[in-house]
Amino acid sequence: MGCRKRELAVDLLRLAAVLDGPGHYAVTVDSAGSLPGRGAWLHPDRQCLEAAIRRRAFARALRITGSPEISAVVEYVEAIRAPDRHGLENR
């Protein structure tokens, strides 16, 4: 979603939109893959996340209106500190 490169699903985070209020959505990490609705896939690294934010890709990928709350995704990516696609540790 951020860098638009393809990977195996096991190497990506599945994101899903959940209704957070009347007409307002929050994007959350669906690690179990069990949340209903359309999902979007993101590399678990800061660079890909920043690209998705810059491109405003969350609403388009999840086909929702408005600007969704993405703080849960940002916190998750920051917490895991996974190496990026190039094998370098995020800082």
Protein backbone atom coordinates (compact mmCIF):
# COMPACT_ATOMS: atom_id res chain seq x y z
CA MET A 1 0.00 0.00 0.00
CA GLY A 2 2.80 2.43 0.83
CA CYS A 3 5.56 1.43 -1.56
CA ARG A 4 3.20 -0.64 -3.74
CA LYS A 5 5.68 -3.52 -4.01
CA ARG A 6 4.44 -7.08 -3.84
CA GLU A 7 5.39 -9.52 -1.08
CA LEU A 8 4.04 -12.71 0.40
CA ALA A 9 1.17 -12.15 2.80
CA VAL A 10 3.20 -13.56 5.71
CA ASP A 11 5.68 -10.67 5.29
CA LEU A 12 2.99 -7.96 5.36
CA LEU A 13 0.59 -6.47 7.91
CA ARG A 14 -3.11 -6.81 7.16
CA LEU A 15 -4.98 -3.64 7.98
CA ALA A 16 -8.73 -3.29 8.34
CA ALA A 17 -11.07 -0.37 8.97
CA VAL A 18 -13.39 -0.52 11.97
CA LEU A 19 -16.24 1.90 12.58
CA ASP A 20 -15.12 4.23 15.38
CA GLY A 21 -18.18 6.44 15.50
CA PRO A 22 -20.92 7.68 13.22
CA GLY A 23 -19.23 7.88 9.84
CA HIS A 24 -15.70 7.80 11.31
CA TYR A 25 -13.28 4.93 10.79
CA ALA A 26 -10.14 3.80 12.56
CA VAL A 27 -7.56 1.61 10.85
CA THR A 28 -6.24 -1.26 12.92
CA VAL A 29 -3.75 -4.09 12.45
CA ASP A 30 -5.59 -7.36 11.83
CA SER A 31 -2.90 -9.84 12.86
CA ALA A 32 -5.37 -12.74 13.06
CA GLY A 33 -6.85 -11.95 9.65
CA SER A 34 -10.34 -12.32 11.04
CA LEU A 35 -11.80 -8.82 10.90
CA PRO A 36 -14.62 -8.46 8.39
CA GLY A 37 -14.51 -6.25 5.36
CA ARG A 38 -11.91 -5.18 2.90
CA GLY A 39 -8.31 -5.42 4.02
CA ALA A 40 -5.18 -3.62 2.92
CA TRP A 41 -1.59 -4.82 3.13
CA LEU A 42 1.45 -2.87 4.31
CA HIS A 43 5.12 -3.67 4.84
CA PRO A 44 5.86 -3.54 8.58
CA ASP A 45 8.47 -0.79 8.30
CA ARG A 46 8.47 2.93 8.87
CA GLN A 47 9.38 3.89 5.28
CA CYS A 48 6.41 2.07 3.79
CA LEU A 49 4.10 3.49 6.48
CA GLU A 50 5.31 7.04 5.82
CA ALA A 51 4.78 6.56 2.07
CA ALA A 52 1.21 5.37 2.69
CA ILE A 53 0.51 8.38 4.92
CA ARG A 54 2.05 10.80 2.41
CA ARG A 55 0.00 9.31 -0.45
CA ARG A 56 -3.19 9.18 1.67
CA ALA A 57 -3.49 5.55 0.69
CA PHE A 58 -5.46 4.23 3.68
CA ALA A 59 -8.88 5.55 2.66
CA ARG A 60 -8.41 4.51 -0.98
CA ALA A 61 -7.12 1.03 -0.20
CA LEU A 62 -9.86 0.32 2.32
CA ARG A 63 -12.50 2.10 0.21
CA ILE A 64 -13.77 4.32 3.00
CA THR A 65 -14.68 7.99 2.98
CA GLY A 66 -12.95 10.66 5.00
CA SER A 67 -9.64 10.54 6.76
CA PRO A 68 -9.38 7.46 9.00
CA GLU A 69 -7.60 7.41 12.36
CA ILE A 70 -4.29 5.55 11.85
CA SER A 71 -2.60 6.02 15.24
CA ALA A 72 -2.95 2.30 16.09
CA VAL A 73 -1.04 1.34 12.94
CA VAL A 74 1.69 3.91 13.61
CA GLU A 75 2.11 2.67 17.19
CA TYR A 76 2.23 -0.96 16.03
CA VAL A 77 4.91 -0.32 13.42
CA GLU A 78 6.98 1.73 15.87
CA ALA A 79 6.66 -0.98 18.53
CA ILE A 80 7.81 -3.90 16.39
CA ARG A 81 10.86 -2.08 14.99
CA ALA A 82 11.08 -4.66 12.22
CA PRO A 83 13.93 -4.46 9.72
CA ASP A 84 12.82 -2.72 6.56
CA ARG A 85 12.64 -4.38 3.15
CA HIS A 86 16.35 -3.80 2.62
CA GLY A 87 17.45 -5.48 5.85
CA LEU A 88 18.23 -2.24 7.65
CA GLU A 89 16.87 -1.60 11.11
CA ASN A 90 14.43 1.31 11.40
CA ARG A 91 15.62 4.14 13.59
